[in-house]
């Protein structure tokens, strides 16, 4: 089958299933849908786009965070802040993720810090 026989979406889907580059048909990098050449080209284009649109992205993020602050939501994930988050700008889950990232450890196995505290309270 040639490119002309199938549509672009079908071509890309077929190549993705076979582990081939969706742009040219060479073997794709493990975990990617493109070969090394097209992967680097795509990264360069994304980087260039990001540089050109950095100010717009930054302004949009500032507006979003301000909306979250005004509506009492977490500045990271946007979930409503509860009573345990009184006077804070981030929810307990985002604080847990940040704390664990600083320590270099994975998050507590209970799933969230709130669940962890509930487990401790039940054990007491």
Protein backbone atom coordinates (compact mmCIF):
# COMPACT_ATOMS: atom_id res chain seq x y z
CA UNK A 1 0.00 0.00 0.00
CA UNK A 2 1.30 3.45 -0.83
CA UNK A 3 0.63 6.79 0.77
CA UNK A 4 -1.78 7.63 -2.03
CA UNK A 5 -3.89 4.52 -1.34
CA UNK A 6 -4.72 5.46 2.22
CA UNK A 7 -5.51 8.70 3.98
CA UNK A 8 -2.93 10.53 6.04
CA UNK A 9 -4.56 9.54 9.36
CA UNK A 10 -4.75 5.87 8.36
CA UNK A 11 -1.12 5.98 7.18
CA UNK A 12 0.07 7.43 10.49
CA UNK A 13 -2.04 4.99 12.52
CA UNK A 14 -0.69 1.99 10.60
CA UNK A 15 2.92 3.15 10.98
CA UNK A 16 2.42 3.84 14.68
CA UNK A 17 1.07 0.30 15.21
CA UNK A 18 4.08 -1.16 13.37
CA UNK A 19 6.58 0.94 15.34
CA UNK A 20 7.59 2.98 12.30
CA UNK A 21 8.05 6.72 11.95
CA UNK A 22 4.70 8.33 11.14
CA UNK A 23 6.45 10.76 8.78
CA UNK A 24 8.78 8.59 6.73
CA UNK A 25 8.48 4.88 7.63
CA UNK A 26 11.93 4.41 9.23
CA UNK A 27 12.00 2.59 12.58
CA UNK A 28 10.72 4.90 15.32
CA UNK A 29 12.65 5.62 18.51
CA UNK A 30 11.49 3.45 21.42
CA UNK A 31 8.59 5.19 23.14
CA UNK A 32 8.13 7.69 20.29
CA UNK A 33 6.20 7.75 17.02
CA UNK A 34 9.00 9.33 14.96
CA UNK A 35 12.49 8.36 13.86
CA UNK A 36 15.50 10.19 15.27
CA UNK A 37 15.60 12.69 12.38
CA UNK A 38 11.93 13.66 12.52
CA UNK A 39 11.91 13.58 16.33
CA UNK A 40 14.73 16.15 16.45
CA UNK A 41 13.04 18.29 13.78
CA UNK A 42 9.78 18.21 15.74
CA UNK A 43 11.57 19.15 18.97
CA UNK A 44 13.30 22.06 17.23
CA UNK A 45 9.99 23.32 15.83
CA UNK A 46 8.30 23.04 19.24
CA UNK A 47 11.19 24.87 20.90
CA UNK A 48 11.04 27.65 18.30
CA UNK A 49 7.25 27.96 18.71
CA UNK A 50 7.64 28.12 22.50
CA UNK A 51 10.27 30.86 22.24
CA UNK A 52 8.04 32.89 19.93
CA UNK A 53 4.96 32.49 22.17
CA UNK A 54 6.60 32.62 25.60
CA UNK A 55 5.10 35.98 26.59
CA UNK A 56 1.57 34.86 25.61
CA UNK A 57 1.93 31.62 27.56
CA UNK A 58 3.28 33.43 30.62
CA UNK A 59 0.45 35.97 30.57
CA UNK A 60 -2.18 33.23 30.17
CA UNK A 61 -0.71 31.32 33.14
CA UNK A 62 -0.71 34.48 35.28
CA UNK A 63 -4.38 35.11 34.45
CA UNK A 64 -5.30 31.51 35.22
CA UNK A 65 -3.53 31.59 38.58
CA UNK A 66 -5.22 34.88 39.47
CA UNK A 67 -8.63 33.38 38.63
CA UNK A 68 -7.79 30.37 40.83
CA UNK A 69 -6.78 32.66 43.71
CA UNK A 70 -9.97 34.73 43.35
CA UNK A 71 -12.18 31.61 43.37
CA UNK A 72 -10.29 29.88 46.25
CA UNK A 73 -8.78 27.12 44.11
CA UNK A 74 -5.36 25.46 44.11
CA UNK A 75 -2.92 27.47 41.98
CA UNK A 76 -1.36 24.27 40.57
CA UNK A 77 -4.25 21.95 39.76
CA UNK A 78 -7.36 24.13 40.14
CA UNK A 79 -9.19 21.95 42.67
CA UNK A 80 -11.26 23.80 45.28
CA UNK A 81 -9.33 24.42 48.50
CA UNK A 82 -10.76 22.78 51.63
CA UNK A 83 -10.64 23.68 55.28
CA UNK A 84 -7.24 21.96 55.69
CA UNK A 85 -5.86 24.40 53.10
CA UNK A 86 -6.90 27.52 55.03
CA UNK A 87 -4.63 30.46 54.18
CA UNK A 88 -2.70 28.53 51.51
CA UNK A 89 -2.64 28.80 47.75
CA UNK A 90 -2.02 25.09 47.01
CA UNK A 91 -4.10 22.04 47.94
CA UNK A 92 -2.83 19.32 50.23
CA UNK A 93 -2.14 16.97 47.30
CA UNK A 94 0.02 19.51 45.44
CA UNK A 95 1.87 20.34 48.64
CA UNK A 96 2.52 16.63 49.17
CA UNK A 97 3.86 16.24 45.62
CA UNK A 98 6.08 19.28 46.05
CA UNK A 99 7.35 18.09 49.43
CA UNK A 100 8.11 14.61 48.10
CA UNK A 101 9.89 16.09 45.06
CA UNK A 102 12.13 18.14 47.34
CA UNK A 103 12.98 15.07 49.39
CA UNK A 104 13.55 13.01 46.25
CA UNK A 105 11.08 10.34 47.34
CA UNK A 106 7.93 9.12 45.66
CA UNK A 107 4.61 10.29 47.13
CA UNK A 108 3.22 8.39 50.10
CA UNK A 109 1.80 5.04 48.99
CA UNK A 110 -1.63 5.89 50.43
CA UNK A 111 -2.23 7.94 47.28
CA UNK A 112 -2.61 11.36 48.84
CA UNK A 113 -1.43 13.01 52.00
CA UNK A 114 -5.04 13.44 53.08
CA UNK A 115 -5.63 9.67 52.82
CA UNK A 116 -2.43 9.09 54.75
CA UNK A 117 -3.61 11.33 57.59
CA UNK A 118 -6.99 9.55 57.64
CA UNK A 119 -5.23 6.17 57.93
CA UNK A 120 -3.16 7.43 60.84
CA UNK A 121 -6.27 8.80 62.56
CA UNK A 122 -8.06 5.45 62.14
CA UNK A 123 -5.13 3.58 63.67
CA UNK A 124 -5.09 5.81 66.78
